[in-house]
Amino acid sequence: IKQAVVGYGKAEKEQVRKMVELHLNIEMGTKLPM
């Protein structure tokens, strides 16, 4: 999952969240629950 979303298999959860928001164009103000 990390490889697909971040391009790096050892990414931190916080990096994953940022990349998910980026991929899906989700407003950064609405911090998604983990």
PDB file of all heavy atoms in Angstrom:
ATOM      1  N   ILE A   1       0.836  -1.200   0.000  1.00  0.00           N
ATOM      2  CA  ILE A   1       0.000   0.000   0.000  1.00  0.00           C
ATOM      3  C   ILE A   1       0.877   1.258   0.000  1.00  0.00           C
ATOM      4  O   ILE A   1       0.664   2.184  -0.780  1.00  0.00           O
ATOM      5  CB  ILE A   1      -0.975  -0.005   1.202  1.00  0.00           C
ATOM      6  CG1 ILE A   1      -1.990  -1.141   1.027  1.00  0.00           C
ATOM      7  CG2 ILE A   1      -1.675   1.344   1.345  1.00  0.00           C
ATOM      8  CD1 ILE A   1      -2.871  -1.402   2.245  1.00  0.00           C
ATOM      9  N   LYS A   2       1.893   1.272   0.881  1.00  0.00           N
ATOM     10  CA  LYS A   2       2.794   2.427   0.945  1.00  0.00           C
ATOM     11  C   LYS A   2       3.534   2.616  -0.368  1.00  0.00           C
ATOM     12  O   LYS A   2       3.724   3.745  -0.837  1.00  0.00           O
ATOM     13  CB  LYS A   2       3.792   2.250   2.089  1.00  0.00           C
ATOM     14  CG  LYS A   2       3.153   2.418   3.458  1.00  0.00           C
ATOM     15  CD  LYS A   2       4.115   2.014   4.559  1.00  0.00           C
ATOM     16  CE  LYS A   2       3.486   2.211   5.926  1.00  0.00           C
ATOM     17  NZ  LYS A   2       4.417   1.852   7.001  1.00  0.00           N
ATOM     18  N   GLN A   3       3.951   1.502  -0.960  1.00  0.00           N
ATOM     19  CA  GLN A   3       4.647   1.537  -2.247  1.00  0.00           C
ATOM     20  C   GLN A   3       3.752   2.206  -3.304  1.00  0.00           C
ATOM     21  O   GLN A   3       4.207   3.043  -4.070  1.00  0.00           O
ATOM     22  CB  GLN A   3       4.974   0.099  -2.672  1.00  0.00           C
ATOM     23  CG  GLN A   3       6.075  -0.020  -3.708  1.00  0.00           C
ATOM     24  CD  GLN A   3       7.470   0.216  -3.133  1.00  0.00           C
ATOM     25  OE1 GLN A   3       7.847  -0.408  -2.162  1.00  0.00           O
ATOM     26  NE2 GLN A   3       8.208   1.130  -3.734  1.00  0.00           N
ATOM     27  N   ALA A   4       2.480   1.816  -3.314  1.00  0.00           N
ATOM     28  CA  ALA A   4       1.536   2.337  -4.304  1.00  0.00           C
ATOM     29  C   ALA A   4       1.222   3.816  -4.088  1.00  0.00           C
ATOM     30  O   ALA A   4       1.131   4.590  -5.032  1.00  0.00           O
ATOM     31  CB  ALA A   4       0.243   1.526  -4.272  1.00  0.00           C
ATOM     32  N   VAL A   5       1.064   4.199  -2.832  1.00  0.00           N
ATOM     33  CA  VAL A   5       0.588   5.547  -2.528  1.00  0.00           C
ATOM     34  C   VAL A   5       1.718   6.562  -2.392  1.00  0.00           C
ATOM     35  O   VAL A   5       1.615   7.693  -2.843  1.00  0.00           O
ATOM     36  CB  VAL A   5      -0.282   5.527  -1.245  1.00  0.00           C
ATOM     37  CG1 VAL A   5      -0.723   6.911  -0.843  1.00  0.00           C
ATOM     38  CG2 VAL A   5      -1.496   4.630  -1.457  1.00  0.00           C
ATOM     39  N   VAL A   6       2.815   6.126  -1.757  1.00  0.00           N
ATOM     40  CA  VAL A   6       3.927   7.034  -1.474  1.00  0.00           C
ATOM     41  C   VAL A   6       5.116   6.769  -2.402  1.00  0.00           C
ATOM     42  O   VAL A   6       5.929   7.645  -2.652  1.00  0.00           O
ATOM     43  CB  VAL A   6       4.373   6.919   0.011  1.00  0.00           C
ATOM     44  CG1 VAL A   6       5.428   7.948   0.357  1.00  0.00           C
ATOM     45  CG2 VAL A   6       3.181   7.058   0.943  1.00  0.00           C
ATOM     46  N   GLY A   7       5.180   5.517  -2.908  1.00  0.00           N
ATOM     47  CA  GLY A   7       6.320   5.150  -3.747  1.00  0.00           C
ATOM     48  C   GLY A   7       7.487   4.685  -2.892  1.00  0.00           C
ATOM     49  O   GLY A   7       8.614   4.540  -3.368  1.00  0.00           O
ATOM     50  N   TYR A   8       7.210   4.448  -1.613  1.00  0.00           N
ATOM     51  CA  TYR A   8       8.261   4.073  -0.671  1.00  0.00           C
ATOM     52  C   TYR A   8       7.645   3.178   0.393  1.00  0.00           C
ATOM     53  O   TYR A   8       6.725   3.589   1.105  1.00  0.00           O
ATOM     54  CB  TYR A   8       8.860   5.348  -0.068  1.00  0.00           C
ATOM     55  CG  TYR A   8       9.848   5.154   1.060  1.00  0.00           C
ATOM     56  CD1 TYR A   8      11.013   4.407   0.868  1.00  0.00           C
ATOM     57  CD2 TYR A   8       9.622   5.716   2.308  1.00  0.00           C
ATOM     58  CE1 TYR A   8      11.915   4.233   1.908  1.00  0.00           C
ATOM     59  CE2 TYR A   8      10.526   5.559   3.351  1.00  0.00           C
ATOM     60  CZ  TYR A   8      11.667   4.805   3.142  1.00  0.00           C
ATOM     61  OH  TYR A   8      12.560   4.637   4.167  1.00  0.00           O
ATOM     62  N   GLY A   9       8.127   1.936   0.495  1.00  0.00           N
ATOM     63  CA  GLY A   9       7.510   0.946   1.358  1.00  0.00           C
ATOM     64  C   GLY A   9       7.641   1.172   2.850  1.00  0.00           C
ATOM     65  O   GLY A   9       6.935   0.564   3.635  1.00  0.00           O
ATOM     66  N   LYS A  10       8.562   2.054   3.247  1.00  0.00           N
ATOM     67  CA  LYS A  10       8.760   2.252   4.687  1.00  0.00           C
ATOM     68  C   LYS A  10       8.256   3.620   5.158  1.00  0.00           C
ATOM     69  O   LYS A  10       8.671   4.121   6.191  1.00  0.00           O
ATOM     70  CB  LYS A  10      10.247   2.081   5.034  1.00  0.00           C
ATOM     71  CG  LYS A  10      10.721   0.639   4.814  1.00  0.00           C
ATOM     72  CD  LYS A  10      11.952   0.332   5.643  1.00  0.00           C
ATOM     73  CE  LYS A  10      12.273  -1.144   5.739  1.00  0.00           C
ATOM     74  NZ  LYS A  10      12.037  -1.932   4.517  1.00  0.00           N
ATOM     75  N   ALA A  11       7.346   4.194   4.379  1.00  0.00           N
ATOM     76  CA  ALA A  11       6.807   5.512   4.717  1.00  0.00           C
ATOM     77  C   ALA A  11       6.086   5.508   6.060  1.00  0.00           C
ATOM     78  O   ALA A  11       5.507   4.502   6.470  1.00  0.00           O
ATOM     79  CB  ALA A  11       5.848   5.964   3.618  1.00  0.00           C
ATOM     80  N   GLU A  12       6.141   6.650   6.750  1.00  0.00           N
ATOM     81  CA  GLU A  12       5.418   6.818   8.012  1.00  0.00           C
ATOM     82  C   GLU A  12       3.931   7.022   7.708  1.00  0.00           C
ATOM     83  O   GLU A  12       3.567   7.486   6.632  1.00  0.00           O
ATOM     84  CB  GLU A  12       5.931   8.057   8.757  1.00  0.00           C
ATOM     85  CG  GLU A  12       7.395   7.994   9.162  1.00  0.00           C
ATOM     86  CD  GLU A  12       7.662   6.926  10.213  1.00  0.00           C
ATOM     87  OE1 GLU A  12       6.796   6.722  11.084  1.00  0.00           O
ATOM     88  OE2 GLU A  12       8.729   6.298  10.129  1.00  0.00           O
ATOM     89  N   LYS A  13       3.079   6.726   8.708  1.00  0.00           N
ATOM     90  CA  LYS A  13       1.635   6.906   8.553  1.00  0.00           C
ATOM     91  C   LYS A  13       1.273   8.338   8.150  1.00  0.00           C
ATOM     92  O   LYS A  13       0.366   8.567   7.367  1.00  0.00           O
ATOM     93  CB  LYS A  13       0.904   6.540   9.848  1.00  0.00           C
ATOM     94  CG  LYS A  13       0.624   5.049   9.960  1.00  0.00           C
ATOM     95  CD  LYS A  13      -0.306   4.787  11.141  1.00  0.00           C
ATOM     96  CE  LYS A  13      -0.660   3.327  11.306  1.00  0.00           C
ATOM     97  NZ  LYS A  13      -1.469   2.766  10.201  1.00  0.00           N
ATOM     98  N   GLU A  14       2.006   9.284   8.697  1.00  0.00           N
ATOM     99  CA  GLU A  14       1.739  10.696   8.405  1.00  0.00           C
ATOM    100  C   GLU A  14       1.993  11.014   6.927  1.00  0.00           C
ATOM    101  O   GLU A  14       1.236  11.755   6.298  1.00  0.00           O
ATOM    102  CB  GLU A  14       2.618  11.574   9.311  1.00  0.00           C
ATOM    103  CG  GLU A  14       2.208  13.029   9.378  1.00  0.00           C
ATOM    104  CD  GLU A  14       0.728  13.255   9.713  1.00  0.00           C
ATOM    105  OE1 GLU A  14       0.245  12.739  10.736  1.00  0.00           O
ATOM    106  OE2 GLU A  14       0.074  13.962   8.925  1.00  0.00           O
ATOM    107  N   GLN A  15       3.067  10.416   6.367  1.00  0.00           N
ATOM    108  CA  GLN A  15       3.374  10.590   4.939  1.00  0.00           C
ATOM    109  C   GLN A  15       2.272   9.978   4.086  1.00  0.00           C
ATOM    110  O   GLN A  15       1.886  10.540   3.067  1.00  0.00           O
ATOM    111  CB  GLN A  15       4.689   9.882   4.577  1.00  0.00           C
ATOM    112  CG  GLN A  15       5.949  10.651   4.915  1.00  0.00           C
ATOM    113  CD  GLN A  15       7.180   9.782   4.618  1.00  0.00           C
ATOM    114  OE1 GLN A  15       7.428   8.796   5.311  1.00  0.00           O
ATOM    115  NE2 GLN A  15       7.924  10.142   3.597  1.00  0.00           N
ATOM    116  N   VAL A  16       1.800   8.811   4.523  1.00  0.00           N
ATOM    117  CA  VAL A  16       0.728   8.129   3.795  1.00  0.00           C
ATOM    118  C   VAL A  16      -0.506   9.033   3.757  1.00  0.00           C
ATOM    119  O   VAL A  16      -1.104   9.235   2.708  1.00  0.00           O
ATOM    120  CB  VAL A  16       0.377   6.761   4.438  1.00  0.00           C
ATOM    121  CG1 VAL A  16      -0.850   6.140   3.779  1.00  0.00           C
ATOM    122  CG2 VAL A  16       1.564   5.808   4.357  1.00  0.00           C
ATOM    123  N   ARG A  17      -0.853   9.612   4.917  1.00  0.00           N
ATOM    124  CA  ARG A  17      -2.028  10.485   4.977  1.00  0.00           C
ATOM    125  C   ARG A  17      -1.872  11.680   4.027  1.00  0.00           C
ATOM    126  O   ARG A  17      -2.794  12.012   3.285  1.00  0.00           O
ATOM    127  CB  ARG A  17      -2.258  10.979   6.405  1.00  0.00           C
ATOM    128  CG  ARG A  17      -3.326  12.056   6.439  1.00  0.00           C
ATOM    129  CD  ARG A  17      -3.983  12.241   7.774  1.00  0.00           C
ATOM    130  NE  ARG A  17      -3.048  12.561   8.828  1.00  0.00           N
ATOM    131  CZ  ARG A  17      -3.392  12.564  10.122  1.00  0.00           C
ATOM    132  NH1 ARG A  17      -4.601  12.232  10.490  1.00  0.00           N
ATOM    133  NH2 ARG A  17      -2.512  12.875  11.030  1.00  0.00           N
ATOM    134  N   LYS A  18      -0.692  12.302   4.036  1.00  0.00           N
ATOM    135  CA  LYS A  18      -0.464  13.456   3.161  1.00  0.00           C
ATOM    136  C   LYS A  18      -0.612  13.079   1.685  1.00  0.00           C
ATOM    137  O   LYS A  18      -1.206  13.808   0.904  1.00  0.00           O
ATOM    138  CB  LYS A  18       0.930  14.046   3.400  1.00  0.00           C
ATOM    139  CG  LYS A  18       1.039  14.848   4.686  1.00  0.00           C
ATOM    140  CD  LYS A  18       2.221  15.823   4.627  1.00  0.00           C
ATOM    141  CE  LYS A  18       2.335  16.637   5.911  1.00  0.00           C
ATOM    142  NZ  LYS A  18       3.106  15.906   6.950  1.00  0.00           N
ATOM    143  N   MET A  19      -0.059  11.914   1.323  1.00  0.00           N
ATOM    144  CA  MET A  19      -0.127  11.474  -0.072  1.00  0.00           C
ATOM    145  C   MET A  19      -1.553  11.088  -0.476  1.00  0.00           C
ATOM    146  O   MET A  19      -1.953  11.323  -1.610  1.00  0.00           O
ATOM    147  CB  MET A  19       0.828  10.299  -0.314  1.00  0.00           C
ATOM    148  CG  MET A  19       2.289  10.692  -0.354  1.00  0.00           C
ATOM    149  SD  MET A  19       2.670  12.033  -1.534  1.00  0.00           S
ATOM    150  CE  MET A  19       2.501  11.155  -3.088  1.00  0.00           C
ATOM    151  N   VAL A  20      -2.305  10.524   0.446  1.00  0.00           N
ATOM    152  CA  VAL A  20      -3.708  10.187   0.178  1.00  0.00           C
ATOM    153  C   VAL A  20      -4.476  11.476  -0.111  1.00  0.00           C
ATOM    154  O   VAL A  20      -5.230  11.575  -1.079  1.00  0.00           O
ATOM    155  CB  VAL A  20      -4.350   9.431   1.373  1.00  0.00           C
ATOM    156  CG1 VAL A  20      -5.873   9.437   1.292  1.00  0.00           C
ATOM    157  CG2 VAL A  20      -3.835   7.994   1.415  1.00  0.00           C
ATOM    158  N   GLU A  21      -4.242  12.495   0.723  1.00  0.00           N
ATOM    159  CA  GLU A  21      -4.920  13.786   0.536  1.00  0.00           C
ATOM    160  C   GLU A  21      -4.542  14.406  -0.800  1.00  0.00           C
ATOM    161  O   GLU A  21      -5.373  15.001  -1.483  1.00  0.00           O
ATOM    162  CB  GLU A  21      -4.595  14.722   1.710  1.00  0.00           C
ATOM    163  CG  GLU A  21      -5.270  14.276   3.005  1.00  0.00           C
ATOM    164  CD  GLU A  21      -4.845  15.081   4.232  1.00  0.00           C
ATOM    165  OE1 GLU A  21      -3.824  15.789   4.163  1.00  0.00           O
ATOM    166  OE2 GLU A  21      -5.543  14.980   5.257  1.00  0.00           O
ATOM    167  N   LEU A  22      -3.286  14.213  -1.186  1.00  0.00           N
ATOM    168  CA  LEU A  22      -2.780  14.741  -2.451  1.00  0.00           C
ATOM    169  C   LEU A  22      -3.406  14.008  -3.641  1.00  0.00           C
ATOM    170  O   LEU A  22      -3.930  14.633  -4.567  1.00  0.00           O
ATOM    171  CB  LEU A  22      -1.250  14.577  -2.472  1.00  0.00           C
ATOM    172  CG  LEU A  22      -0.420  15.617  -3.203  1.00  0.00           C
ATOM    173  CD1 LEU A  22      -0.596  16.985  -2.578  1.00  0.00           C
ATOM    174  CD2 LEU A  22       1.059  15.218  -3.173  1.00  0.00           C
ATOM    175  N   HIS A  23      -3.339  12.677  -3.607  1.00  0.00           N
ATOM    176  CA  HIS A  23      -3.897  11.831  -4.673  1.00  0.00           C
ATOM    177  C   HIS A  23      -5.367  12.138  -4.919  1.00  0.00           C
ATOM    178  O   HIS A  23      -5.830  12.140  -6.046  1.00  0.00           O
ATOM    179  CB  HIS A  23      -3.816  10.344  -4.292  1.00  0.00           C
ATOM    180  CG  HIS A  23      -2.512   9.682  -4.615  1.00  0.00           C
ATOM    181  ND1 HIS A  23      -2.086   9.445  -5.890  1.00  0.00           N
ATOM    182  CD2 HIS A  23      -1.549   9.184  -3.803  1.00  0.00           C
ATOM    183  CE1 HIS A  23      -0.908   8.826  -5.861  1.00  0.00           C
ATOM    184  NE2 HIS A  23      -0.560   8.674  -4.596  1.00  0.00           N
ATOM    185  N   LEU A  24      -6.097  12.336  -3.823  1.00  0.00           N
ATOM    186  CA  LEU A  24      -7.549  12.451  -3.920  1.00  0.00           C
ATOM    187  C   LEU A  24      -8.026  13.892  -3.853  1.00  0.00           C
ATOM    188  O   LEU A  24      -9.220  14.144  -3.809  1.00  0.00           O
ATOM    189  CB  LEU A  24      -8.213  11.630  -2.806  1.00  0.00           C
ATOM    190  CG  LEU A  24      -7.886  10.136  -2.812  1.00  0.00           C
ATOM    191  CD1 LEU A  24      -8.582   9.448  -1.648  1.00  0.00           C
ATOM    192  CD2 LEU A  24      -8.288   9.484  -4.132  1.00  0.00           C
ATOM    193  N   ASN A  25      -7.081  14.827  -3.834  1.00  0.00           N
ATOM    194  CA  ASN A  25      -7.456  16.235  -3.830  1.00  0.00           C
ATOM    195  C   ASN A  25      -8.329  16.614  -2.645  1.00  0.00           C
ATOM    196  O   ASN A  25      -9.288  17.372  -2.798  1.00  0.00           O
ATOM    197  CB  ASN A  25      -8.234  16.544  -5.108  1.00  0.00           C
ATOM    198  CG  ASN A  25      -7.490  17.558  -5.947  1.00  0.00           C
ATOM    199  OD1 ASN A  25      -6.849  18.457  -5.398  1.00  0.00           O
ATOM    200  ND2 ASN A  25      -7.563  17.412  -7.247  1.00  0.00           N
ATOM    201  N   ILE A  26      -8.020  16.047  -1.484  1.00  0.00           N
ATOM    202  CA  ILE A  26      -8.825  16.339  -0.293  1.00  0.00           C
ATOM    203  C   ILE A  26      -8.238  17.569   0.384  1.00  0.00           C
ATOM    204  O   ILE A  26      -7.031  17.674   0.542  1.00  0.00           O
ATOM    205  CB  ILE A  26      -8.839  15.126   0.675  1.00  0.00           C
ATOM    206  CG1 ILE A  26      -9.514  13.939   0.001  1.00  0.00           C
ATOM    207  CG2 ILE A  26      -9.550  15.485   1.975  1.00  0.00           C
ATOM    208  CD1 ILE A  26      -9.381  12.641   0.769  1.00  0.00           C
ATOM    209  N   GLU A  27      -9.093  18.495   0.749  1.00  0.00           N
ATOM    210  CA  GLU A  27      -8.644  19.727   1.381  1.00  0.00           C
ATOM    211  C   GLU A  27      -7.783  19.432   2.606  1.00  0.00           C
ATOM    212  O   GLU A  27      -8.171  18.656   3.472  1.00  0.00           O
ATOM    213  CB  GLU A  27      -9.845  20.581   1.796  1.00  0.00           C
ATOM    214  CG  GLU A  27     -10.482  21.315   0.643  1.00  0.00           C
ATOM    215  CD  GLU A  27      -9.484  22.109  -0.187  1.00  0.00           C
ATOM    216  OE1 GLU A  27      -8.750  22.942   0.387  1.00  0.00           O
ATOM    217  OE2 GLU A  27      -9.411  21.891  -1.408  1.00  0.00           O
ATOM    218  N   MET A  28      -6.630  20.066   2.687  1.00  0.00           N
ATOM    219  CA  MET A  28      -5.700  19.800   3.776  1.00  0.00           C
ATOM    220  C   MET A  28      -6.247  20.200   5.146  1.00  0.00           C
ATOM    221  O   MET A  28      -5.767  19.742   6.164  1.00  0.00           O
ATOM    222  CB  MET A  28      -4.372  20.525   3.534  1.00  0.00           C
ATOM    223  CG  MET A  28      -3.629  20.018   2.322  1.00  0.00           C
ATOM    224  SD  MET A  28      -3.333  18.242   2.393  1.00  0.00           S
ATOM    225  CE  MET A  28      -2.749  17.932   0.730  1.00  0.00           C
ATOM    226  N   GLY A  29      -7.259  21.056   5.165  1.00  0.00           N
ATOM    227  CA  GLY A  29      -7.826  21.489   6.432  1.00  0.00           C
ATOM    228  C   GLY A  29      -8.527  20.359   7.176  1.00  0.00           C
ATOM    229  O   GLY A  29      -8.601  20.354   8.388  1.00  0.00           O
ATOM    230  N   THR A  30      -9.017  19.383   6.409  1.00  0.00           N
ATOM    231  CA  THR A  30      -9.814  18.307   7.002  1.00  0.00           C
ATOM    232  C   THR A  30      -8.948  17.094   7.330  1.00  0.00           C
ATOM    233  O   THR A  30      -9.119  16.058   6.734  1.00  0.00           O
ATOM    234  CB  THR A  30     -10.897  17.830   6.023  1.00  0.00           C
ATOM    235  OG1 THR A  30     -10.214  17.303   4.854  1.00  0.00           O
ATOM    236  CG2 THR A  30     -11.794  18.950   5.594  1.00  0.00           C
ATOM    237  N   LYS A  31      -8.032  17.246   8.263  1.00  0.00           N
ATOM    238  CA  LYS A  31      -7.117  16.137   8.572  1.00  0.00           C
ATOM    239  C   LYS A  31      -7.881  14.826   8.773  1.00  0.00           C
ATOM    240  O   LYS A  31      -8.686  14.698   9.680  1.00  0.00           O
ATOM    241  CB  LYS A  31      -6.300  16.463   9.832  1.00  0.00           C
ATOM    242  CG  LYS A  31      -4.820  16.479   9.543  1.00  0.00           C
ATOM    243  CD  LYS A  31      -4.010  16.563  10.813  1.00  0.00           C
ATOM    244  CE  LYS A  31      -2.533  16.356  10.462  1.00  0.00           C
ATOM    245  NZ  LYS A  31      -1.703  16.170  11.629  1.00  0.00           N
ATOM    246  N   LEU A  32      -7.638  13.890   7.893  1.00  0.00           N
ATOM    247  CA  LEU A  32      -8.336  12.608   7.962  1.00  0.00           C
ATOM    248  C   LEU A  32      -7.859  11.789   9.159  1.00  0.00           C
ATOM    249  O   LEU A  32      -6.669  11.758   9.442  1.00  0.00           O
ATOM    250  CB  LEU A  32      -8.049  11.793   6.695  1.00  0.00           C
ATOM    251  CG  LEU A  32      -8.587  12.291   5.368  1.00  0.00           C
ATOM    252  CD1 LEU A  32      -7.945  11.510   4.229  1.00  0.00           C
ATOM    253  CD2 LEU A  32     -10.092  12.145   5.314  1.00  0.00           C
ATOM    254  N   PRO A  33      -8.785  11.094   9.832  1.00  0.00           N
ATOM    255  CA  PRO A  33      -8.351  10.162  10.875  1.00  0.00           C
ATOM    256  C   PRO A  33      -7.478   9.076  10.234  1.00  0.00           C
ATOM    257  O   PRO A  33      -7.699   8.727   9.067  1.00  0.00           O
ATOM    258  CB  PRO A  33      -9.655   9.550  11.392  1.00  0.00           C
ATOM    259  CG  PRO A  33     -10.743  10.395  10.862  1.00  0.00           C
ATOM    260  CD  PRO A  33     -10.240  11.108   9.661  1.00  0.00           C
ATOM    261  N   MET A  34      -6.510   8.539  10.963  1.00  0.00           N
ATOM    262  CA  MET A  34      -5.587   7.536  10.424  1.00  0.00           C
ATOM    263  C   MET A  34      -6.306   6.318   9.851  1.00  0.00           C
ATOM    264  O   MET A  34      -5.918   5.803   8.814  1.00  0.00           O
ATOM    265  CB  MET A  34      -4.604   7.065  11.502  1.00  0.00           C
ATOM    266  CG  MET A  34      -3.513   8.067  11.802  1.00  0.00           C
ATOM    267  SD  MET A  34      -2.481   8.475  10.359  1.00  0.00           S
ATOM    268  CE  MET A  34      -1.309   9.568  11.143  1.00  0.00           C
TER     269      MET A  34
END
